[in-house]
Amino acid sequence: MSSFQDVLFSIENGHGRIVLNRPQALNALTLDMIDAISAQLAGWEMRADIKAIIITGAGDKAFCAGGDVKAAYEAKKRGDLGYLEDFYRREYQLNYRLATYKKPIIAIMDGIVMGGGAGIALNCSHPVVTHKTLFAMPECRIGLFPDVGAGSFLNRASPSLALALGLLGLNLRGPGMIKAGLTKHFVGSGRVGEVAIERLDELQLPVEQAGIDQLVPLIEPVFSLKSFDEIVTVLAARRDTWASETLKALRAQSPTSLRVTFAHLTRSRGRDLAEILKTDFRLSQHFMAGTDFFEGVRAQLVDKDHSPKWHPADWADVPAAAVEGYFEPVPGIKDWAPQTR
């Protein structure tokens, strides 16, 4: 019997069950977890006795708070650049496997779901939210960008809301995710144990209103503008509280991350997931070669001084040519491509 307990696997009532089991770390994904899930999914895909897969998170706080970025930080410190390539390459392979799996996959986001956790859940065929769901893609705060196929799943929302979610890392609750168009399945938190592929419609709750309803009329006219510079210019020219708070929130994020994220989410519209993940991988490796990601992790998660020193420090100092460079192949690193099964 395996001693590996960070992911638990079982089969119950015709469903393969995957439990992310690092509740002390909000079920943050490690490379070992990614590899274990990928291998188990491969083993279950052709089994006639398994009709669907259900993925949940252990504990009462989180589905999955994201990838284990502290491990990436430590790998960079010790000079293990191979880990930084392997982690993102294999994480994106798992995202693609989930999205193209031959059986339905239900991911129950009963708690915090951010970053790499959203890459697990929102690439599944049946992502489920509850009253406890708290979703965000806050990568720009740590000097990264919304990856794991976010160019696909964030763009299920309107173009302007997708940009606001990616640039600001806005929080959405379960009803907000339904209203935004990120998923369709809303189940009471107390009934997640009853979820099965044949019961999703029966367990579905109505969504009449959500916190995002009040924000959308503010977001739409600003984040629908054609460039990042237009967005910040309009925000700066306005005097209302929302515009001031939004501009302040943008100023706290990595300027490079903001410009790359705007370009990536805009260019991802209408593209297929394989293309988006290929770009995600290029972007990830350019960020791994830079400084902002590691400075962001240091400031937010290691030293926790919440005072990152971004380079460049202002979005006006991030030239268009530098942004374009992030979309180019990374010297010495093979491009990402879907694995053949």
C-alpha atoms as a PDB file:
ATOM      1  CA  MET A   1       0.000   0.000   0.000  1.00  0.00           C
ATOM      2  CA  SER A   2       1.297   3.456  -0.896  1.00  0.00           C
ATOM      3  CA  SER A   3       2.379   5.775   1.911  1.00  0.00           C
ATOM      4  CA  PHE A   4       1.537   8.815  -0.220  1.00  0.00           C
ATOM      5  CA  GLN A   5      -1.444  10.489   1.411  1.00  0.00           C
ATOM      6  CA  ASP A   6      -1.537  13.982  -0.145  1.00  0.00           C
ATOM      7  CA  VAL A   7      -4.177  12.738  -2.601  1.00  0.00           C
ATOM      8  CA  LEU A   8      -6.637   9.975  -1.722  1.00  0.00           C
ATOM      9  CA  PHE A   9      -8.289   7.754  -4.338  1.00  0.00           C
ATOM     10  CA  SER A  10     -11.301   5.458  -4.041  1.00  0.00           C
ATOM     11  CA  ILE A  11     -14.215   4.112  -6.065  1.00  0.00           C
ATOM     12  CA  GLU A  12     -17.764   4.433  -4.707  1.00  0.00           C
ATOM     13  CA  ASN A  13     -21.083   3.888  -6.458  1.00  0.00           C
ATOM     14  CA  GLY A  14     -19.553   3.966  -9.919  1.00  0.00           C
ATOM     15  CA  HIS A  15     -17.620   7.181  -9.241  1.00  0.00           C
ATOM     16  CA  GLY A  16     -13.864   7.470  -9.005  1.00  0.00           C
ATOM     17  CA  ARG A  17     -13.183   9.794  -6.078  1.00  0.00           C
ATOM     18  CA  ILE A  18     -10.153  12.069  -5.781  1.00  0.00           C
ATOM     19  CA  VAL A  19      -9.600  13.932  -2.499  1.00  0.00           C
ATOM     20  CA  LEU A  20      -6.925  16.646  -2.360  1.00  0.00           C
ATOM     21  CA  ASN A  21      -5.584  15.931   1.124  1.00  0.00           C
ATOM     22  CA  ARG A  22      -3.330  18.710   2.375  1.00  0.00           C
ATOM     23  CA  PRO A  23      -5.852  20.647   4.483  1.00  0.00           C
ATOM     24  CA  GLN A  24      -3.053  22.214   6.566  1.00  0.00           C
ATOM     25  CA  ALA A  25      -1.859  23.887   3.337  1.00  0.00           C
ATOM     26  CA  LEU A  26      -5.376  24.580   1.993  1.00  0.00           C
ATOM     27  CA  ASN A  27      -4.810  21.587  -0.332  1.00  0.00           C
ATOM     28  CA  ALA A  28      -2.194  23.471  -2.357  1.00  0.00           C
ATOM     29  CA  LEU A  29      -0.923  21.370  -5.268  1.00  0.00           C
ATOM     30  CA  THR A  30       2.532  19.851  -5.210  1.00  0.00           C
ATOM     31  CA  LEU A  31       4.241  18.222  -8.184  1.00  0.00           C
ATOM     32  CA  ASP A  32       3.798  14.809  -6.532  1.00  0.00           C
ATOM     33  CA  MET A  33       0.057  15.452  -6.250  1.00  0.00           C
ATOM     34  CA  ILE A  34      -0.143  16.485  -9.907  1.00  0.00           C
ATOM     35  CA  ASP A  35       1.660  13.316 -10.982  1.00  0.00           C
ATOM     36  CA  ALA A  36      -0.496  11.088  -8.771  1.00  0.00           C
ATOM     37  CA  ILE A  37      -3.761  12.549 -10.096  1.00  0.00           C
ATOM     38  CA  SER A  38      -2.580  12.280 -13.701  1.00  0.00           C
ATOM     39  CA  ALA A  39      -1.608   8.628 -13.265  1.00  0.00           C
ATOM     40  CA  GLN A  40      -4.891   7.738 -11.546  1.00  0.00           C
ATOM     41  CA  LEU A  41      -6.986   9.443 -14.200  1.00  0.00           C
ATOM     42  CA  ALA A  42      -5.101   7.525 -16.893  1.00  0.00           C
ATOM     43  CA  GLY A  43      -5.848   4.272 -15.085  1.00  0.00           C
ATOM     44  CA  TRP A  44      -9.539   5.027 -14.650  1.00  0.00           C
ATOM     45  CA  GLU A  45     -10.337   6.477 -18.073  1.00  0.00           C
ATOM     46  CA  MET A  46     -11.217   3.228 -19.873  1.00  0.00           C
ATOM     47  CA  ARG A  47     -12.740   1.348 -16.912  1.00  0.00           C
ATOM     48  CA  ALA A  48     -16.338   0.402 -17.623  1.00  0.00           C
ATOM     49  CA  ASP A  49     -17.253   0.314 -13.906  1.00  0.00           C
ATOM     50  CA  ILE A  50     -16.477   4.034 -13.458  1.00  0.00           C
ATOM     51  CA  LYS A  51     -19.076   6.379 -14.973  1.00  0.00           C
ATOM     52  CA  ALA A  52     -17.727   9.675 -13.602  1.00  0.00           C
ATOM     53  CA  ILE A  53     -15.021  11.222 -11.420  1.00  0.00           C
ATOM     54  CA  ILE A  54     -15.590  13.442  -8.353  1.00  0.00           C
ATOM     55  CA  ILE A  55     -12.807  15.723  -7.046  1.00  0.00           C
ATOM     56  CA  THR A  56     -13.062  17.323  -3.595  1.00  0.00           C
ATOM     57  CA  GLY A  57     -10.758  19.015  -1.092  1.00  0.00           C
ATOM     58  CA  ALA A  58     -10.133  17.721   2.450  1.00  0.00           C
ATOM     59  CA  GLY A  59     -10.968  19.855   5.468  1.00  0.00           C
ATOM     60  CA  ASP A  60     -13.606  22.546   5.836  1.00  0.00           C
ATOM     61  CA  LYS A  61     -11.747  25.543   4.366  1.00  0.00           C
ATOM     62  CA  ALA A  62     -10.578  24.898   0.834  1.00  0.00           C
ATOM     63  CA  PHE A  63     -10.993  22.952  -2.357  1.00  0.00           C
ATOM     64  CA  CYS A  64      -7.482  24.016  -3.389  1.00  0.00           C
ATOM     65  CA  ALA A  65      -5.804  27.367  -2.770  1.00  0.00           C
ATOM     66  CA  GLY A  66      -3.485  26.978  -5.772  1.00  0.00           C
ATOM     67  CA  GLY A  67      -0.116  25.581  -6.727  1.00  0.00           C
ATOM     68  CA  ASP A  68       2.566  25.305  -4.070  1.00  0.00           C
ATOM     69  CA  VAL A  69       4.324  28.541  -4.989  1.00  0.00           C
ATOM     70  CA  LYS A  70       6.539  28.371  -1.903  1.00  0.00           C
ATOM     71  CA  ALA A  71       8.072  25.197  -3.378  1.00  0.00           C
ATOM     72  CA  ALA A  72       8.795  27.132  -6.583  1.00  0.00           C
ATOM     73  CA  TYR A  73      10.374  29.913  -4.513  1.00  0.00           C
ATOM     74  CA  GLU A  74      12.619  27.407  -2.717  1.00  0.00           C
ATOM     75  CA  ALA A  75      13.540  25.714  -6.023  1.00  0.00           C
ATOM     76  CA  LYS A  76      14.660  29.055  -7.452  1.00  0.00           C
ATOM     77  CA  LYS A  77      16.713  29.776  -4.321  1.00  0.00           C
ATOM     78  CA  ARG A  78      18.585  26.493  -4.641  1.00  0.00           C
ATOM     79  CA  GLY A  79      19.023  26.903  -8.398  1.00  0.00           C
ATOM     80  CA  ASP A  80      16.733  23.993  -9.366  1.00  0.00           C
ATOM     81  CA  LEU A  81      15.470  25.444 -12.635  1.00  0.00           C
ATOM     82  CA  GLY A  82      14.440  21.981 -13.821  1.00  0.00           C
ATOM     83  CA  TYR A  83      11.763  21.867 -11.127  1.00  0.00           C
ATOM     84  CA  LEU A  84      10.341  25.176 -12.355  1.00  0.00           C
ATOM     85  CA  GLU A  85       9.994  23.725 -15.843  1.00  0.00           C
ATOM     86  CA  ASP A  86       8.660  20.342 -14.712  1.00  0.00           C
ATOM     87  CA  PHE A  87       6.045  21.753 -12.351  1.00  0.00           C
ATOM     88  CA  TYR A  88       4.353  23.985 -14.911  1.00  0.00           C
ATOM     89  CA  ARG A  89       4.718  21.540 -17.803  1.00  0.00           C
ATOM     90  CA  ARG A  90       3.061  18.714 -15.836  1.00  0.00           C
ATOM     91  CA  GLU A  91       0.468  20.936 -14.193  1.00  0.00           C
ATOM     92  CA  TYR A  92      -0.715  22.113 -17.608  1.00  0.00           C
ATOM     93  CA  GLN A  93      -0.767  18.491 -18.863  1.00  0.00           C
ATOM     94  CA  LEU A  94      -3.114  17.701 -15.970  1.00  0.00           C
ATOM     95  CA  ASN A  95      -5.290  20.723 -16.806  1.00  0.00           C
ATOM     96  CA  TYR A  96      -5.548  19.487 -20.394  1.00  0.00           C
ATOM     97  CA  ARG A  97      -6.274  15.900 -19.346  1.00  0.00           C
ATOM     98  CA  LEU A  98      -9.102  17.075 -17.105  1.00  0.00           C
ATOM     99  CA  ALA A  99     -10.589  19.206 -19.900  1.00  0.00           C
ATOM    100  CA  THR A 100     -10.454  16.419 -22.499  1.00  0.00           C
ATOM    101  CA  TYR A 101     -11.263  13.410 -20.284  1.00  0.00           C
ATOM    102  CA  LYS A 102     -13.554  10.788 -21.743  1.00  0.00           C
ATOM    103  CA  LYS A 103     -15.765  10.631 -18.631  1.00  0.00           C
ATOM    104  CA  PRO A 104     -17.589  13.447 -16.819  1.00  0.00           C
ATOM    105  CA  ILE A 105     -15.557  15.012 -14.006  1.00  0.00           C
ATOM    106  CA  ILE A 106     -17.296  16.826 -11.141  1.00  0.00           C
ATOM    107  CA  ALA A 107     -15.128  19.206  -9.113  1.00  0.00           C
ATOM    108  CA  ILE A 108     -16.825  20.403  -5.914  1.00  0.00           C
ATOM    109  CA  MET A 109     -15.444  23.816  -4.927  1.00  0.00           C
ATOM    110  CA  ASP A 110     -16.734  23.814  -1.347  1.00  0.00           C
ATOM    111  CA  GLY A 111     -14.357  26.461  -0.001  1.00  0.00           C
ATOM    112  CA  ILE A 112     -11.365  28.459  -1.258  1.00  0.00           C
ATOM    113  CA  VAL A 113     -10.447  27.873  -4.908  1.00  0.00           C
ATOM    114  CA  MET A 114      -7.677  29.959  -6.397  1.00  0.00           C
ATOM    115  CA  GLY A 115      -4.952  29.730  -9.032  1.00  0.00           C
ATOM    116  CA  GLY A 116      -3.975  26.123  -9.648  1.00  0.00           C
ATOM    117  CA  GLY A 117      -7.089  24.977  -7.773  1.00  0.00           C
ATOM    118  CA  ALA A 118      -9.237  26.802 -10.312  1.00  0.00           C
ATOM    119  CA  GLY A 119      -7.131  25.112 -13.001  1.00  0.00           C
ATOM    120  CA  ILE A 120      -8.238  21.767 -11.578  1.00  0.00           C
ATOM    121  CA  ALA A 121     -11.902  22.625 -11.083  1.00  0.00           C
ATOM    122  CA  LEU A 122     -12.773  24.903 -13.985  1.00  0.00           C
ATOM    123  CA  ASN A 123     -11.170  22.673 -16.605  1.00  0.00           C
ATOM    124  CA  CYS A 124     -13.472  19.823 -15.528  1.00  0.00           C
ATOM    125  CA  SER A 125     -16.718  19.133 -17.366  1.00  0.00           C
ATOM    126  CA  HIS A 126     -18.908  19.768 -14.277  1.00  0.00           C
ATOM    127  CA  PRO A 127     -17.443  22.368 -11.881  1.00  0.00           C
ATOM    128  CA  VAL A 128     -19.773  22.731  -8.869  1.00  0.00           C
ATOM    129  CA  VAL A 129     -19.953  25.727  -6.524  1.00  0.00           C
ATOM    130  CA  THR A 130     -21.557  25.991  -3.070  1.00  0.00           C
ATOM    131  CA  HIS A 131     -22.363  28.698  -0.507  1.00  0.00           C
ATOM    132  CA  LYS A 132     -18.810  28.284   0.839  1.00  0.00           C
ATOM    133  CA  THR A 133     -17.027  28.784  -2.480  1.00  0.00           C
ATOM    134  CA  LEU A 134     -14.510  31.641  -2.560  1.00  0.00           C
ATOM    135  CA  PHE A 135     -12.880  31.971  -5.983  1.00  0.00           C
ATOM    136  CA  ALA A 136     -10.117  34.296  -7.176  1.00  0.00           C
ATOM    137  CA  MET A 137      -7.223  34.413  -9.620  1.00  0.00           C
ATOM    138  CA  PRO A 138      -4.864  36.722  -7.651  1.00  0.00           C
ATOM    139  CA  GLU A 139      -1.649  35.928  -9.539  1.00  0.00           C
ATOM    140  CA  CYS A 140      -0.811  39.540 -10.414  1.00  0.00           C
ATOM    141  CA  ARG A 141      -0.398  40.167  -6.670  1.00  0.00           C
ATOM    142  CA  ILE A 142       2.513  37.733  -6.568  1.00  0.00           C
ATOM    143  CA  GLY A 143       4.116  38.802  -9.824  1.00  0.00           C
ATOM    144  CA  LEU A 144       2.692  36.008 -11.978  1.00  0.00           C
ATOM    145  CA  PHE A 145      -0.329  35.885 -14.340  1.00  0.00           C
ATOM    146  CA  PRO A 146      -3.608  33.914 -14.395  1.00  0.00           C
ATOM    147  CA  ASP A 147      -2.442  30.626 -15.921  1.00  0.00           C
ATOM    148  CA  VAL A 148      -3.727  26.994 -15.834  1.00  0.00           C
ATOM    149  CA  GLY A 149      -6.068  27.715 -18.761  1.00  0.00           C
ATOM    150  CA  ALA A 150      -7.553  30.899 -17.272  1.00  0.00           C
ATOM    151  CA  GLY A 151      -7.445  32.393 -20.763  1.00  0.00           C
ATOM    152  CA  SER A 152     -10.185  29.876 -21.510  1.00  0.00           C
ATOM    153  CA  PHE A 153     -12.272  29.715 -18.322  1.00  0.00           C
ATOM    154  CA  LEU A 154     -12.148  33.411 -17.350  1.00  0.00           C
ATOM    155  CA  ASN A 155     -13.286  34.238 -20.871  1.00  0.00           C
ATOM    156  CA  ARG A 156     -16.544  32.405 -20.209  1.00  0.00           C
ATOM    157  CA  ALA A 157     -17.437  35.694 -18.526  1.00  0.00           C
ATOM    158  CA  SER A 158     -17.920  38.885 -20.529  1.00  0.00           C
ATOM    159  CA  PRO A 159     -14.635  40.247 -21.927  1.00  0.00           C
ATOM    160  CA  SER A 160     -14.629  43.143 -19.458  1.00  0.00           C
ATOM    161  CA  LEU A 161     -15.426  40.989 -16.413  1.00  0.00           C
ATOM    162  CA  ALA A 162     -12.793  38.442 -17.476  1.00  0.00           C
ATOM    163  CA  LEU A 163     -10.183  41.228 -17.526  1.00  0.00           C
ATOM    164  CA  ALA A 164     -11.312  42.583 -14.159  1.00  0.00           C
ATOM    165  CA  LEU A 165     -11.119  39.119 -12.605  1.00  0.00           C
ATOM    166  CA  GLY A 166      -7.632  38.565 -14.010  1.00  0.00           C
ATOM    167  CA  LEU A 167      -6.134  42.007 -13.410  1.00  0.00           C
ATOM    168  CA  LEU A 168      -7.649  42.667  -9.976  1.00  0.00           C
ATOM    169  CA  GLY A 169      -7.943  39.132  -8.597  1.00  0.00           C
ATOM    170  CA  LEU A 170     -11.549  39.868  -7.593  1.00  0.00           C
ATOM    171  CA  ASN A 171     -13.208  37.422  -5.210  1.00  0.00           C
ATOM    172  CA  LEU A 172     -16.389  35.667  -6.308  1.00  0.00           C
ATOM    173  CA  ARG A 173     -18.669  33.559  -4.156  1.00  0.00           C
ATOM    174  CA  GLY A 174     -20.577  30.600  -5.568  1.00  0.00           C
ATOM    175  CA  PRO A 175     -23.568  32.624  -6.808  1.00  0.00           C
ATOM    176  CA  GLY A 176     -21.185  35.166  -8.352  1.00  0.00           C
ATOM    177  CA  MET A 177     -19.442  32.435 -10.318  1.00  0.00           C
ATOM    178  CA  ILE A 178     -22.813  31.321 -11.682  1.00  0.00           C
ATOM    179  CA  LYS A 179     -23.792  34.899 -12.594  1.00  0.00           C
ATOM    180  CA  ALA A 180     -20.400  35.502 -14.226  1.00  0.00           C
ATOM    181  CA  GLY A 181     -20.888  32.430 -16.416  1.00  0.00           C
ATOM    182  CA  LEU A 182     -17.872  30.513 -15.079  1.00  0.00           C
ATOM    183  CA  THR A 183     -19.984  27.477 -14.204  1.00  0.00           C
ATOM    184  CA  LYS A 184     -23.618  26.333 -14.113  1.00  0.00           C
ATOM    185  CA  HIS A 185     -23.835  24.011 -11.083  1.00  0.00           C
ATOM    186  CA  PHE A 186     -24.753  25.363  -7.624  1.00  0.00           C
ATOM    187  CA  VAL A 187     -25.369  22.954  -4.751  1.00  0.00           C
ATOM    188  CA  GLY A 188     -26.017  23.517  -1.043  1.00  0.00           C
ATOM    189  CA  SER A 189     -22.849  23.102   1.016  1.00  0.00           C
ATOM    190  CA  GLY A 190     -24.606  20.627   3.299  1.00  0.00           C
ATOM    191  CA  ARG A 191     -25.445  18.337   0.382  1.00  0.00           C
ATOM    192  CA  VAL A 192     -22.084  17.918  -1.307  1.00  0.00           C
ATOM    193  CA  GLY A 193     -21.917  14.340  -0.012  1.00  0.00           C
ATOM    194  CA  GLU A 194     -24.974  13.547  -2.141  1.00  0.00           C
ATOM    195  CA  VAL A 195     -23.444  14.782  -5.393  1.00  0.00           C
ATOM    196  CA  ALA A 196     -23.339  12.226  -8.197  1.00  0.00           C
ATOM    197  CA  ILE A 197     -23.391  12.675 -11.949  1.00  0.00           C
ATOM    198  CA  GLU A 198     -27.035  11.576 -12.172  1.00  0.00           C
ATOM    199  CA  ARG A 199     -28.126  13.887  -9.307  1.00  0.00           C
ATOM    200  CA  LEU A 200     -26.666  17.252 -10.330  1.00  0.00           C
ATOM    201  CA  ASP A 201     -29.908  18.557 -11.820  1.00  0.00           C
ATOM    202  CA  GLU A 202     -31.906  17.421  -8.797  1.00  0.00           C
ATOM    203  CA  LEU A 203     -29.510  19.125  -6.340  1.00  0.00           C
ATOM    204  CA  GLN A 204     -29.269  22.380  -8.344  1.00  0.00           C
ATOM    205  CA  LEU A 205     -30.212  25.516  -6.395  1.00  0.00           C
ATOM    206  CA  PRO A 206     -31.525  28.703  -8.019  1.00  0.00           C
ATOM    207  CA  VAL A 207     -29.344  31.817  -8.095  1.00  0.00           C
ATOM    208  CA  GLU A 208     -31.335  35.026  -8.001  1.00  0.00           C
ATOM    209  CA  GLN A 209     -28.710  37.578  -6.982  1.00  0.00           C
ATOM    210  CA  ALA A 210     -25.004  37.825  -6.252  1.00  0.00           C
ATOM    211  CA  GLY A 211     -22.539  40.406  -4.999  1.00  0.00           C
ATOM    212  CA  ILE A 212     -21.063  40.746  -8.490  1.00  0.00           C
ATOM    213  CA  ASP A 213     -24.391  42.184  -9.724  1.00  0.00           C
ATOM    214  CA  GLN A 214     -23.572  45.588  -8.213  1.00  0.00           C
ATOM    215  CA  LEU A 215     -20.029  45.620  -9.613  1.00  0.00           C
ATOM    216  CA  VAL A 216     -20.753  44.676 -13.222  1.00  0.00           C
ATOM    217  CA  PRO A 217     -22.269  48.071 -14.204  1.00  0.00           C
ATOM    218  CA  LEU A 218     -19.086  49.731 -12.873  1.00  0.00           C
ATOM    219  CA  ILE A 219     -16.694  47.244 -14.480  1.00  0.00           C
ATOM    220  CA  GLU A 220     -18.233  47.021 -17.951  1.00  0.00           C
ATOM    221  CA  PRO A 221     -17.635  50.566 -19.305  1.00  0.00           C
ATOM    222  CA  VAL A 222     -14.063  50.721 -17.965  1.00  0.00           C
ATOM    223  CA  PHE A 223     -12.653  47.230 -18.521  1.00  0.00           C
ATOM    224  CA  SER A 224     -14.175  47.108 -22.005  1.00  0.00           C
ATOM    225  CA  LEU A 225     -11.680  49.771 -23.140  1.00  0.00           C
ATOM    226  CA  LYS A 226      -9.182  48.692 -25.782  1.00  0.00           C
ATOM    227  CA  SER A 227      -5.938  48.992 -23.839  1.00  0.00           C
ATOM    228  CA  PHE A 228      -4.595  48.770 -20.320  1.00  0.00           C
ATOM    229  CA  ASP A 229      -3.455  52.401 -20.575  1.00  0.00           C
ATOM    230  CA  GLU A 230      -6.986  53.531 -21.423  1.00  0.00           C
ATOM    231  CA  ILE A 231      -8.341  51.655 -18.405  1.00  0.00           C
ATOM    232  CA  VAL A 232      -5.969  53.278 -15.924  1.00  0.00           C
ATOM    233  CA  THR A 233      -6.356  56.707 -17.550  1.00  0.00           C
ATOM    234  CA  VAL A 234     -10.136  56.588 -17.160  1.00  0.00           C
ATOM    235  CA  LEU A 235      -9.887  55.285 -13.584  1.00  0.00           C
ATOM    236  CA  ALA A 236      -7.482  58.105 -12.686  1.00  0.00           C
ATOM    237  CA  ALA A 237      -9.759  60.739 -14.248  1.00  0.00           C
ATOM    238  CA  ARG A 238     -12.778  59.647 -12.233  1.00  0.00           C
ATOM    239  CA  ARG A 239     -13.389  60.770  -8.654  1.00  0.00           C
ATOM    240  CA  ASP A 240     -15.751  58.092  -7.362  1.00  0.00           C
ATOM    241  CA  THR A 241     -14.816  55.625  -4.628  1.00  0.00           C
ATOM    242  CA  TRP A 242     -14.919  52.537  -6.828  1.00  0.00           C
ATOM    243  CA  ALA A 243     -12.529  54.009  -9.403  1.00  0.00           C
ATOM    244  CA  SER A 244     -10.099  55.172  -6.689  1.00  0.00           C
ATOM    245  CA  GLU A 245     -10.122  51.792  -4.945  1.00  0.00           C
ATOM    246  CA  THR A 246      -9.713  49.963  -8.241  1.00  0.00           C
ATOM    247  CA  LEU A 247      -6.743  52.101  -9.258  1.00  0.00           C
ATOM    248  CA  LYS A 248      -5.180  51.573  -5.814  1.00  0.00           C
ATOM    249  CA  ALA A 249      -5.649  47.799  -6.179  1.00  0.00           C
ATOM    250  CA  LEU A 250      -3.971  47.834  -9.602  1.00  0.00           C
ATOM    251  CA  ARG A 251      -1.032  49.838  -8.233  1.00  0.00           C
ATOM    252  CA  ALA A 252      -0.371  47.093  -5.669  1.00  0.00           C
ATOM    253  CA  GLN A 253       0.155  44.461  -8.368  1.00  0.00           C
ATOM    254  CA  SER A 254       3.213  43.710 -10.486  1.00  0.00           C
ATOM    255  CA  PRO A 255       3.239  46.153 -13.433  1.00  0.00           C
ATOM    256  CA  THR A 256       4.744  43.483 -15.703  1.00  0.00           C
ATOM    257  CA  SER A 257       2.089  40.975 -14.601  1.00  0.00           C
ATOM    258  CA  LEU A 258      -0.690  43.447 -15.356  1.00  0.00           C
ATOM    259  CA  ARG A 259       0.501  44.195 -18.878  1.00  0.00           C
ATOM    260  CA  VAL A 260       1.175  40.533 -19.720  1.00  0.00           C
ATOM    261  CA  THR A 261      -2.183  39.494 -18.247  1.00  0.00           C
ATOM    262  CA  PHE A 262      -4.079  42.095 -20.255  1.00  0.00           C
ATOM    263  CA  ALA A 263      -2.390  40.906 -23.447  1.00  0.00           C
ATOM    264  CA  HIS A 264      -2.873  37.215 -22.650  1.00  0.00           C
ATOM    265  CA  LEU A 265      -6.560  37.351 -21.703  1.00  0.00           C
ATOM    266  CA  THR A 266      -7.332  39.552 -24.706  1.00  0.00           C
ATOM    267  CA  ARG A 267      -5.486  37.294 -27.160  1.00  0.00           C
ATOM    268  CA  SER A 268      -6.951  34.121 -25.660  1.00  0.00           C
ATOM    269  CA  ARG A 269     -10.523  34.930 -26.681  1.00  0.00           C
ATOM    270  CA  GLY A 270     -11.747  32.308 -29.109  1.00  0.00           C
ATOM    271  CA  ARG A 271      -8.577  30.199 -28.935  1.00  0.00           C
ATOM    272  CA  ASP A 272      -8.631  26.539 -27.962  1.00  0.00           C
ATOM    273  CA  LEU A 273      -7.275  25.297 -24.650  1.00  0.00           C
ATOM    274  CA  ALA A 274      -4.170  23.647 -26.122  1.00  0.00           C
ATOM    275  CA  GLU A 275      -3.085  26.955 -27.683  1.00  0.00           C
ATOM    276  CA  ILE A 276      -3.770  28.810 -24.443  1.00  0.00           C
ATOM    277  CA  LEU A 277      -1.802  26.318 -22.331  1.00  0.00           C
ATOM    278  CA  LYS A 278       1.114  26.482 -24.770  1.00  0.00           C
ATOM    279  CA  THR A 279       1.164  30.244 -24.227  1.00  0.00           C
ATOM    280  CA  ASP A 280       0.711  29.775 -20.458  1.00  0.00           C
ATOM    281  CA  PHE A 281       3.851  27.652 -20.438  1.00  0.00           C
ATOM    282  CA  ARG A 282       5.928  30.206 -22.338  1.00  0.00           C
ATOM    283  CA  LEU A 283       4.732  32.956 -20.044  1.00  0.00           C
ATOM    284  CA  SER A 284       5.367  30.865 -16.917  1.00  0.00           C
ATOM    285  CA  GLN A 285       8.952  30.151 -17.917  1.00  0.00           C
ATOM    286  CA  HIS A 286       9.663  33.800 -18.690  1.00  0.00           C
ATOM    287  CA  PHE A 287       8.283  34.709 -15.258  1.00  0.00           C
ATOM    288  CA  MET A 288      10.417  31.969 -13.657  1.00  0.00           C
ATOM    289  CA  ALA A 289      13.478  33.528 -15.323  1.00  0.00           C
ATOM    290  CA  GLY A 290      12.569  36.978 -13.992  1.00  0.00           C
ATOM    291  CA  THR A 291      12.358  38.509 -10.533  1.00  0.00           C
ATOM    292  CA  ASP A 292       8.802  39.724  -9.889  1.00  0.00           C
ATOM    293  CA  PHE A 293       7.283  36.304  -9.118  1.00  0.00           C
ATOM    294  CA  PHE A 294       9.893  35.476  -6.512  1.00  0.00           C
ATOM    295  CA  GLU A 295       9.673  38.959  -5.019  1.00  0.00           C
ATOM    296  CA  GLY A 296       5.879  38.650  -4.877  1.00  0.00           C
ATOM    297  CA  VAL A 297       6.017  35.259  -3.131  1.00  0.00           C
ATOM    298  CA  ARG A 298       8.627  36.615  -0.713  1.00  0.00           C
ATOM    299  CA  ALA A 299       6.532  39.667   0.163  1.00  0.00           C
ATOM    300  CA  GLN A 300       3.150  37.932   0.414  1.00  0.00           C
ATOM    301  CA  LEU A 301       3.957  34.417   1.657  1.00  0.00           C
ATOM    302  CA  VAL A 302       7.521  34.155   3.004  1.00  0.00           C
ATOM    303  CA  ASP A 303       8.504  37.368   4.825  1.00  0.00           C
ATOM    304  CA  LYS A 304       4.877  38.606   4.730  1.00  0.00           C
ATOM    305  CA  ASP A 305       5.873  42.265   4.744  1.00  0.00           C
ATOM    306  CA  HIS A 306       3.377  42.854   1.902  1.00  0.00           C
ATOM    307  CA  SER A 307       5.764  45.379   0.351  1.00  0.00           C
ATOM    308  CA  PRO A 308       7.026  43.860  -2.890  1.00  0.00           C
ATOM    309  CA  LYS A 309       9.643  45.789  -4.848  1.00  0.00           C
ATOM    310  CA  TRP A 310       8.579  45.282  -8.450  1.00  0.00           C
ATOM    311  CA  HIS A 311      10.986  45.736 -11.386  1.00  0.00           C
ATOM    312  CA  PRO A 312       9.935  47.859 -13.214  1.00  0.00           C
ATOM    313  CA  ALA A 313       8.026  49.577 -10.411  1.00  0.00           C
ATOM    314  CA  ASP A 314       5.518  51.377 -12.659  1.00  0.00           C
ATOM    315  CA  TRP A 315       3.431  50.098 -15.548  1.00  0.00           C
ATOM    316  CA  ALA A 316       4.541  53.117 -17.603  1.00  0.00           C
ATOM    317  CA  ASP A 317       8.041  51.612 -17.545  1.00  0.00           C
ATOM    318  CA  VAL A 318       7.036  48.249 -19.032  1.00  0.00           C
ATOM    319  CA  PRO A 319       7.621  48.654 -22.788  1.00  0.00           C
ATOM    320  CA  ALA A 320       5.434  46.914 -25.349  1.00  0.00           C
ATOM    321  CA  ALA A 321       8.494  45.058 -26.668  1.00  0.00           C
ATOM    322  CA  ALA A 322       9.114  43.557 -23.235  1.00  0.00           C
ATOM    323  CA  VAL A 323       5.527  42.305 -23.074  1.00  0.00           C
ATOM    324  CA  GLU A 324       5.858  40.767 -26.541  1.00  0.00           C
ATOM    325  CA  GLY A 325       9.008  38.987 -25.415  1.00  0.00           C
ATOM    326  CA  TYR A 326       7.000  36.992 -22.872  1.00  0.00           C
ATOM    327  CA  PHE A 327       5.019  35.397 -25.707  1.00  0.00           C
ATOM    328  CA  GLU A 328       8.128  34.183 -27.537  1.00  0.00           C
ATOM    329  CA  PRO A 329       9.668  30.704 -27.062  1.00  0.00           C
ATOM    330  CA  VAL A 330      12.024  30.444 -24.099  1.00  0.00           C
ATOM    331  CA  PRO A 331      15.612  29.719 -25.189  1.00  0.00           C
ATOM    332  CA  GLY A 332      16.664  26.206 -24.226  1.00  0.00           C
ATOM    333  CA  ILE A 333      13.165  25.095 -23.164  1.00  0.00           C
ATOM    334  CA  LYS A 334      10.917  23.002 -25.383  1.00  0.00           C
ATOM    335  CA  ASP A 335       7.418  24.385 -25.957  1.00  0.00           C
ATOM    336  CA  TRP A 336       4.487  22.756 -24.150  1.00  0.00           C
ATOM    337  CA  ALA A 337       2.225  20.468 -26.193  1.00  0.00           C
ATOM    338  CA  PRO A 338      -0.559  18.074 -25.141  1.00  0.00           C
ATOM    339  CA  GLN A 339       0.691  14.571 -24.382  1.00  0.00           C
ATOM    340  CA  THR A 340      -0.608  11.901 -26.680  1.00  0.00           C
ATOM    341  CA  ARG A 341      -2.556   9.332 -24.721  1.00  0.00           C
END
